[in-house]
C-alpha atoms as a PDB file:
ATOM      1  CA  LEU A   1      89.516 115.744 111.833  1.00  0.00           C
ATOM      2  CA  ILE A   2      87.873 112.875 114.171  1.00  0.00           C
ATOM      3  CA  VAL A   3      85.075 113.960 115.882  1.00  0.00           C
ATOM      4  CA  ASP A   4      81.801 112.405 118.333  1.00  0.00           C
ATOM      5  CA  ALA A   5      79.571 113.712 120.235  1.00  0.00           C
ATOM      6  CA  ASP A   6      82.296 113.405 123.254  1.00  0.00           C
ATOM      7  CA  GLU A   7      85.783 114.281 121.514  1.00  0.00           C
ATOM      8  CA  ALA A   8      87.468 115.411 118.891  1.00  0.00           C
ATOM      9  CA  TRP A   9      91.104 115.025 116.918  1.00  0.00           C
ATOM     10  CA  SER A  10      93.169 116.484 114.666  1.00  0.00           C
ATOM     11  CA  ILE A  11      95.034 113.669 112.888  1.00  0.00           C
ATOM     12  CA  GLU A  12      98.007 113.973 110.428  1.00  0.00           C
ATOM     13  CA  THR A  13      99.990 111.389 108.898  1.00  0.00           C
ATOM     14  CA  CYS A  14     103.390 111.534 106.696  1.00  0.00           C
ATOM     15  CA  ASP A  15     103.645 108.031 104.792  1.00  0.00           C
ATOM     16  CA  ARG A  16     102.780 105.184 107.217  1.00  0.00           C
ATOM     17  CA  VAL A  17     103.240 107.664 110.499  1.00  0.00           C
ATOM     18  CA  TRP A  18     100.777 109.262 112.118  1.00  0.00           C
ATOM     19  CA  VAL A  19     100.437 111.812 115.394  1.00  0.00           C
ATOM     20  CA  ALA A  20      96.711 112.820 117.125  1.00  0.00           C
ATOM     21  CA  LYS A  21      96.103 116.192 118.630  1.00  0.00           C
ATOM     22  CA  GLN A  22      93.369 115.637 120.913  1.00  0.00           C
ATOM     23  CA  ILE A  23      91.040 119.258 121.074  1.00  0.00           C
ATOM     24  CA  LYS A  24      89.711 119.888 124.365  1.00  0.00           C
ATOM     25  CA  GLU A  25      87.524 122.743 124.010  1.00  0.00           C
ATOM     26  CA  GLY A  26      86.564 125.759 121.946  1.00  0.00           C
ATOM     27  CA  TYR A  27      87.752 125.099 118.012  1.00  0.00           C
ATOM     28  CA  TYR A  28      90.840 124.041 115.976  1.00  0.00           C
ATOM     29  CA  SER A  29      92.185 125.842 112.978  1.00  0.00           C
ATOM     30  CA  MET A  30      93.573 123.377 110.101  1.00  0.00           C
ATOM     31  CA  SER A  31      95.102 124.388 106.844  1.00  0.00           C
ATOM     32  CA  ASN A  32      97.129 122.591 104.308  1.00  0.00           C
ATOM     33  CA  VAL A  33     100.318 122.338 106.299  1.00  0.00           C
ATOM     34  CA  TYR A  34     101.696 120.195 109.290  1.00  0.00           C
ATOM     35  CA  SER A  35     100.678 121.800 112.572  1.00  0.00           C
ATOM     36  CA  ILE A  36     100.692 120.021 115.242  1.00  0.00           C
ATOM     37  CA  GLU A  37     104.796 119.779 115.818  1.00  0.00           C
ATOM     38  CA  ASP A  38     105.033 118.602 118.859  1.00  0.00           C
ATOM     39  CA  ASP A  39     102.171 118.861 120.923  1.00  0.00           C
ATOM     40  CA  TYR A  40     100.382 115.777 120.228  1.00  0.00           C
ATOM     41  CA  ASN A  41      98.979 112.966 122.455  1.00  0.00           C
ATOM     42  CA  LEU A  42      99.370 109.681 119.870  1.00  0.00           C
ATOM     43  CA  GLN A  43     101.603 108.648 117.403  1.00  0.00           C
ATOM     44  CA  SER A  44     102.405 106.052 115.441  1.00  0.00           C
ATOM     45  CA  ASN A  45     103.935 103.266 117.066  1.00  0.00           C
ATOM     46  CA  ASN A  46     107.082 103.745 114.152  1.00  0.00           C
ATOM     47  CA  LEU A  47     107.134 107.587 114.650  1.00  0.00           C
ATOM     48  CA  GLU A  48     110.856 108.060 116.203  1.00  0.00           C
ATOM     49  CA  ARG A  49     112.243 105.008 114.207  1.00  0.00           C
ATOM     50  CA  PHE A  50     110.845 106.691 110.789  1.00  0.00           C
ATOM     51  CA  ALA A  51     112.078 110.415 111.939  1.00  0.00           C
ATOM     52  CA  GLN A  52     115.520 108.474 112.786  1.00  0.00           C
ATOM     53  CA  ASP A  53     115.877 106.782 109.462  1.00  0.00           C
ATOM     54  CA  GLN A  54     115.386 110.434 107.675  1.00  0.00           C
ATOM     55  CA  ASN A  55     117.747 111.738 110.174  1.00  0.00           C
ATOM     56  CA  LEU A  56     114.978 114.370 111.313  1.00  0.00           C
ATOM     57  CA  TRP A  57     115.539 113.180 114.835  1.00  0.00           C
END
């Protein structure tokens, strides 16, 4: 979780890939499992290739 006075982001990583979701208002619940799934605003450049190589896509 990265937060400053103007915005907040939840970031999830796996190996060398990541996704980030902007938290626009209210609160955001986090746990010890991946929760962003396909609702993200930013991604690492290699996300799709990594998923294809792992037969996840």
